[in-house]
Amino acid sequence: MDATDERTILVAEGVRKIYRSGADSIVALHGLDLVVPQGQFVAVMGPSGSGKTTLLNCLSGLDEIDAGRVLVDGLSIHELSDKERTRHRAREMGFIFQAFNLIPVFTATENVELPLLLAGVREDDARVRARETLERVGLGHRLDRRPMELSGGEQQRVAVARALAGKPHIVWADEPTGNLDSEMAGAVIELLGELHREGLTIILVTHDPSVAAHADRLITVRDGRLVEDKLLEGPVDEVHERAIA
């Protein structure tokens, strides 16, 4: 697919990442290429230490790269200044992590509206959007609760709402169900699936085949290389077994 295709939201070309410590260096990503259409749900799997999180961080602009380029909505994000890239992430992207990263003294509403305020949204508008998004993820009855008053699944729903409140074009999720029991994990991944069906682009890192099974596409990473890339039409267990072999 051409990088200028209007349906293409993400293009990675020859992305290389090297971690250095003293005289030692480790190549974490080896010239990776990837194209993701708008609205696709992509799961990224692979053994521990394979480069899954590094891939997510480099493609989203959280980490620098050593070679190649990454285009998000046609914009080469690693050519931006740190300030410009931060502004672009706030405007175009949402992030969900394994650790909920909620501020303990803030209510659910305040946790969701904070990044909106930092992005320059007016206070009244940020409050309305935060409450609407929390209602959207099923937490309309928990708007004024602090994280310690919420279950793990509810906390992750707050994190999902925080990622969505800015109306991003793409959401990056790194093991978003890793700290949840199976029932709570199922509820969160069903929510992400529902949002995807409404048109949201999702790039999700997971070790769990049952989570990856909700995606349209499975990318398998091993030793910093993309070793398999396929559209999903059924269970992913067989692919996962090959990936960790």
Protein backbone atom coordinates (compact mmCIF):
# COMPACT_ATOMS: atom_id res chain seq x y z
CA MET A 1 0.00 0.00 0.00
CA ASP A 2 1.35 3.42 -0.92
CA ALA A 3 2.18 5.79 1.92
CA THR A 4 -0.03 8.42 0.31
CA ASP A 5 -3.11 6.18 0.28
CA GLU A 6 -5.82 8.17 2.08
CA ARG A 7 -6.83 5.08 4.03
CA THR A 8 -3.31 4.58 5.42
CA ILE A 9 -2.83 5.87 8.96
CA LEU A 10 0.58 4.38 9.81
CA VAL A 11 3.66 3.71 7.67
CA ALA A 12 6.99 2.48 9.04
CA GLU A 13 9.95 2.25 6.69
CA GLY A 14 13.25 0.64 7.71
CA VAL A 15 12.78 1.44 11.40
CA ARG A 16 15.89 0.58 13.38
CA LYS A 17 16.38 0.98 17.12
CA ILE A 18 19.65 0.42 19.01
CA TYR A 19 20.08 0.45 22.77
CA ARG A 20 23.58 1.39 23.92
CA SER A 21 25.23 0.87 27.30
CA GLY A 22 28.86 1.85 27.44
CA ALA A 23 30.70 -0.03 24.70
CA ASP A 24 27.86 -2.49 24.26
CA SER A 25 24.93 -2.09 21.89
CA ILE A 26 21.82 -4.16 21.27
CA VAL A 27 19.78 -3.87 18.10
CA ALA A 28 16.17 -3.89 19.31
CA LEU A 29 14.52 -3.37 15.91
CA HIS A 30 16.11 -4.45 12.62
CA GLY A 31 14.88 -2.25 9.75
CA LEU A 32 11.20 -2.91 10.29
CA ASP A 33 8.59 -2.08 7.63
CA LEU A 34 4.86 -1.86 8.34
CA VAL A 35 1.73 -0.31 6.81
CA VAL A 36 -1.54 -0.06 8.75
CA PRO A 37 -4.81 1.06 7.15
CA GLN A 38 -7.18 3.42 8.94
CA GLY A 39 -9.59 1.50 11.17
CA GLN A 40 -7.58 -1.70 11.53
CA PHE A 41 -7.13 -3.55 14.84
CA VAL A 42 -3.59 -4.92 14.94
CA ALA A 43 -2.32 -7.29 17.64
CA VAL A 44 1.43 -7.60 18.19
CA MET A 45 2.70 -10.83 19.78
CA GLY A 46 6.03 -12.51 20.39
CA PRO A 47 8.19 -13.98 23.15
CA SER A 48 9.39 -11.92 26.09
CA GLY A 49 12.17 -9.56 25.02
CA SER A 50 11.28 -9.81 21.34
CA GLY A 51 10.85 -6.05 20.88
CA LYS A 52 7.06 -5.72 21.09
CA THR A 53 7.00 -2.75 23.45
CA THR A 54 9.99 -1.16 21.71
CA LEU A 55 8.07 -1.41 18.45
CA LEU A 56 5.04 0.31 19.95
CA ASN A 57 7.15 3.04 21.54
CA CYS A 58 9.11 3.75 18.35
CA LEU A 59 6.07 3.78 16.07
CA SER A 60 4.17 6.10 18.40
CA GLY A 61 7.08 8.46 18.86
CA LEU A 62 7.55 7.81 22.58
CA ASP A 63 11.08 6.58 21.79
CA GLU A 64 13.60 7.89 19.28
CA ILE A 65 14.71 5.70 16.36
CA ASP A 66 18.19 5.27 14.91
CA ALA A 67 17.20 4.86 11.26
CA GLY A 68 14.15 4.84 9.03
CA ARG A 69 11.01 6.90 9.32
CA VAL A 70 7.49 6.65 10.73
CA LEU A 71 4.52 8.46 9.23
CA VAL A 72 1.30 8.89 11.19
CA ASP A 73 -1.48 10.44 9.12
CA GLY A 74 1.20 11.31 6.57
CA LEU A 75 3.39 13.20 9.06
CA SER A 76 6.97 12.01 9.63
CA ILE A 77 6.87 12.12 13.43
CA HIS A 78 10.58 11.62 14.12
CA GLU A 79 11.41 14.71 12.09
CA LEU A 80 9.39 16.81 14.54
CA SER A 81 10.88 18.58 17.54
CA ASP A 82 10.14 17.08 20.95
CA LYS A 83 7.55 19.80 21.57
CA GLU A 84 5.87 19.25 18.21
CA ARG A 85 5.84 15.48 18.66
CA THR A 86 4.31 15.80 22.13
CA ARG A 87 1.62 18.08 20.72
CA HIS A 88 0.97 15.64 17.86
CA ARG A 89 0.61 12.71 20.29
CA ALA A 90 -1.84 14.69 22.41
CA ARG A 91 -3.91 15.63 19.37
CA GLU A 92 -3.82 12.43 17.30
CA MET A 93 -3.06 9.51 19.64
CA GLY A 94 -4.31 7.74 22.73
CA PHE A 95 -2.29 5.43 25.01
CA ILE A 96 -3.34 2.56 27.29
CA PHE A 97 -0.76 0.74 29.42
CA GLN A 98 -0.65 -2.31 31.66
CA ALA A 99 -0.16 -0.03 34.65
CA PHE A 100 -3.23 2.16 34.78
CA ASN A 101 -1.11 5.28 35.52
CA LEU A 102 -3.99 7.09 37.20
CA ILE A 103 -3.37 9.95 39.63
CA PRO A 104 -4.53 8.61 43.03
CA VAL A 105 -5.87 11.91 44.42
CA PHE A 106 -7.86 12.70 41.26
CA THR A 107 -11.37 11.48 40.57
CA ALA A 108 -12.10 9.46 37.46
CA THR A 109 -13.34 12.62 35.75
CA GLU A 110 -10.25 14.60 36.71
CA ASN A 111 -7.94 11.83 35.48
CA VAL A 112 -9.64 11.86 32.09
CA GLU A 113 -9.82 15.64 31.72
CA LEU A 114 -6.20 16.35 32.71
CA PRO A 115 -4.62 15.48 29.33
CA LEU A 116 -7.35 17.49 27.62
CA LEU A 117 -6.44 20.53 29.70
CA LEU A 118 -2.75 20.01 28.93
CA ALA A 119 -3.67 19.87 25.23
CA GLY A 120 -5.32 23.28 25.50
CA VAL A 121 -9.00 22.29 25.72
CA ARG A 122 -11.10 24.82 27.65
CA GLU A 123 -11.87 23.73 31.22
CA ASP A 124 -15.65 23.53 30.74
CA ASP A 125 -15.30 21.60 27.49
CA ALA A 126 -12.74 19.23 29.03
CA ARG A 127 -15.08 18.43 31.92
CA VAL A 128 -18.02 17.72 29.59
CA ARG A 129 -15.93 15.57 27.27
CA ALA A 130 -14.39 13.63 30.20
CA ARG A 131 -17.80 12.83 31.67
CA GLU A 132 -19.26 11.87 28.29
CA THR A 133 -16.34 9.53 27.59
CA LEU A 134 -16.57 7.88 31.01
CA GLU A 135 -20.26 7.28 30.40
CA ARG A 136 -19.30 5.82 27.02
CA VAL A 137 -17.09 3.19 28.72
CA GLY A 138 -19.76 2.32 31.28
CA LEU A 139 -18.56 4.44 34.20
CA GLY A 140 -21.26 7.08 34.34
CA HIS A 141 -21.94 5.98 37.92
CA ARG A 142 -18.28 6.32 38.96
CA LEU A 143 -17.48 9.83 37.75
CA ASP A 144 -16.43 11.19 41.13
CA ARG A 145 -14.70 8.11 42.50
CA ARG A 146 -10.94 8.03 43.02
CA PRO A 147 -8.84 5.11 41.73
CA MET A 148 -8.66 3.39 45.13
CA GLU A 149 -12.47 3.24 45.13
CA LEU A 150 -12.57 1.45 41.78
CA SER A 151 -11.92 -2.16 40.81
CA GLY A 152 -8.99 -3.01 38.54
CA GLY A 153 -11.30 -3.33 35.57
CA GLU A 154 -12.92 0.02 36.33
CA GLN A 155 -9.51 1.67 36.65
CA GLN A 156 -8.52 0.34 33.24
CA ARG A 157 -11.79 1.66 31.84
CA VAL A 158 -10.83 5.09 33.18
CA ALA A 159 -7.50 4.66 31.38
CA VAL A 160 -9.36 3.74 28.19
CA ALA A 161 -11.59 6.80 28.58
CA ARG A 162 -8.51 8.97 29.10
CA ALA A 163 -7.05 7.61 25.86
CA LEU A 164 -10.30 8.25 23.96
CA ALA A 165 -11.33 11.64 25.32
CA GLY A 166 -9.04 13.51 22.94
CA LYS A 167 -10.78 11.82 19.99
CA PRO A 168 -7.57 10.23 18.69
CA HIS A 169 -7.06 8.75 15.25
CA ILE A 170 -5.04 5.86 16.64
CA VAL A 171 -4.79 4.15 20.05
CA TRP A 172 -1.69 2.32 21.25
CA ALA A 173 -2.26 -0.33 23.93
CA ASP A 174 0.61 -2.13 25.69
CA GLU A 175 -0.65 -5.22 27.57
CA PRO A 176 -3.82 -3.37 28.63
CA THR A 177 -5.27 -6.48 30.29
CA GLY A 178 -2.05 -7.67 31.93
CA ASN A 179 -3.06 -6.61 35.46
CA LEU A 180 -6.66 -7.86 35.24
CA ASP A 181 -8.35 -11.16 35.98
CA SER A 182 -9.93 -12.99 33.07
CA GLU A 183 -13.42 -11.56 33.58
CA MET A 184 -12.23 -7.95 33.83
CA ALA A 185 -9.80 -8.48 30.95
CA GLY A 186 -12.63 -9.79 28.82
CA ALA A 187 -14.76 -6.74 29.54
CA VAL A 188 -11.97 -4.32 28.62
CA ILE A 189 -11.05 -6.12 25.40
CA GLU A 190 -14.72 -6.32 24.41
CA LEU A 191 -14.88 -2.56 24.88
CA LEU A 192 -11.83 -2.05 22.66
CA GLY A 193 -13.38 -4.34 20.07
CA GLU A 194 -16.57 -2.29 20.12
CA LEU A 195 -14.61 0.94 19.67
CA HIS A 196 -12.70 -0.63 16.79
CA ARG A 197 -15.93 -1.61 15.08
CA GLU A 198 -16.88 2.07 15.22
CA GLY A 199 -13.76 2.89 13.19
CA LEU A 200 -10.95 3.38 15.72
CA THR A 201 -7.45 2.20 14.72
CA ILE A 202 -5.84 0.13 17.50
CA ILE A 203 -2.29 -1.22 17.80
CA LEU A 204 -2.21 -3.62 20.76
CA VAL A 205 0.72 -5.51 22.28
CA THR A 206 -0.27 -8.69 24.10
CA HIS A 207 1.02 -12.11 25.13
CA ASP A 208 -2.52 -13.49 25.39
CA PRO A 209 -3.95 -15.30 22.31
CA SER A 210 -7.50 -14.75 23.58
CA VAL A 211 -6.89 -10.99 23.52
CA ALA A 212 -5.22 -11.09 20.10
CA ALA A 213 -8.19 -13.05 18.76
CA HIS A 214 -10.24 -9.84 18.81
CA ALA A 215 -7.91 -8.19 16.27
CA ASP A 216 -8.16 -8.07 12.48
CA ARG A 217 -4.47 -8.71 12.01
CA LEU A 218 -1.67 -10.41 13.91
CA ILE A 219 1.96 -9.32 13.74
CA THR A 220 4.55 -11.60 15.30
CA VAL A 221 7.87 -10.13 16.43
CA ARG A 222 10.97 -12.10 17.33
CA ASP A 223 14.46 -10.73 18.09
CA GLY A 224 13.44 -7.32 16.81
CA ARG A 225 12.21 -8.61 13.47
CA LEU A 226 8.72 -8.93 12.06
CA VAL A 227 8.58 -12.67 11.36
CA GLU A 228 4.89 -13.08 10.54
CA ASP A 229 2.09 -10.77 9.45
CA LYS A 230 -1.33 -12.17 8.70
CA LEU A 231 -4.98 -11.26 8.67
CA LEU A 232 -6.94 -13.21 11.26
CA GLU A 233 -9.80 -15.45 10.31
CA GLY A 234 -9.82 -17.78 13.31
CA PRO A 235 -7.95 -18.76 16.52
CA VAL A 236 -4.45 -17.36 16.93
CA ASP A 237 -3.05 -20.07 19.22
CA GLU A 238 -1.22 -21.89 16.43
CA VAL A 239 0.47 -18.72 15.21
CA HIS A 240 1.39 -17.80 18.77
CA GLU A 241 2.94 -21.20 19.40
CA ARG A 242 5.17 -20.73 16.36
CA ALA A 243 6.07 -17.22 17.52
CA ILE A 244 7.35 -18.32 20.93
CA ALA A 245 8.99 -21.54 19.75
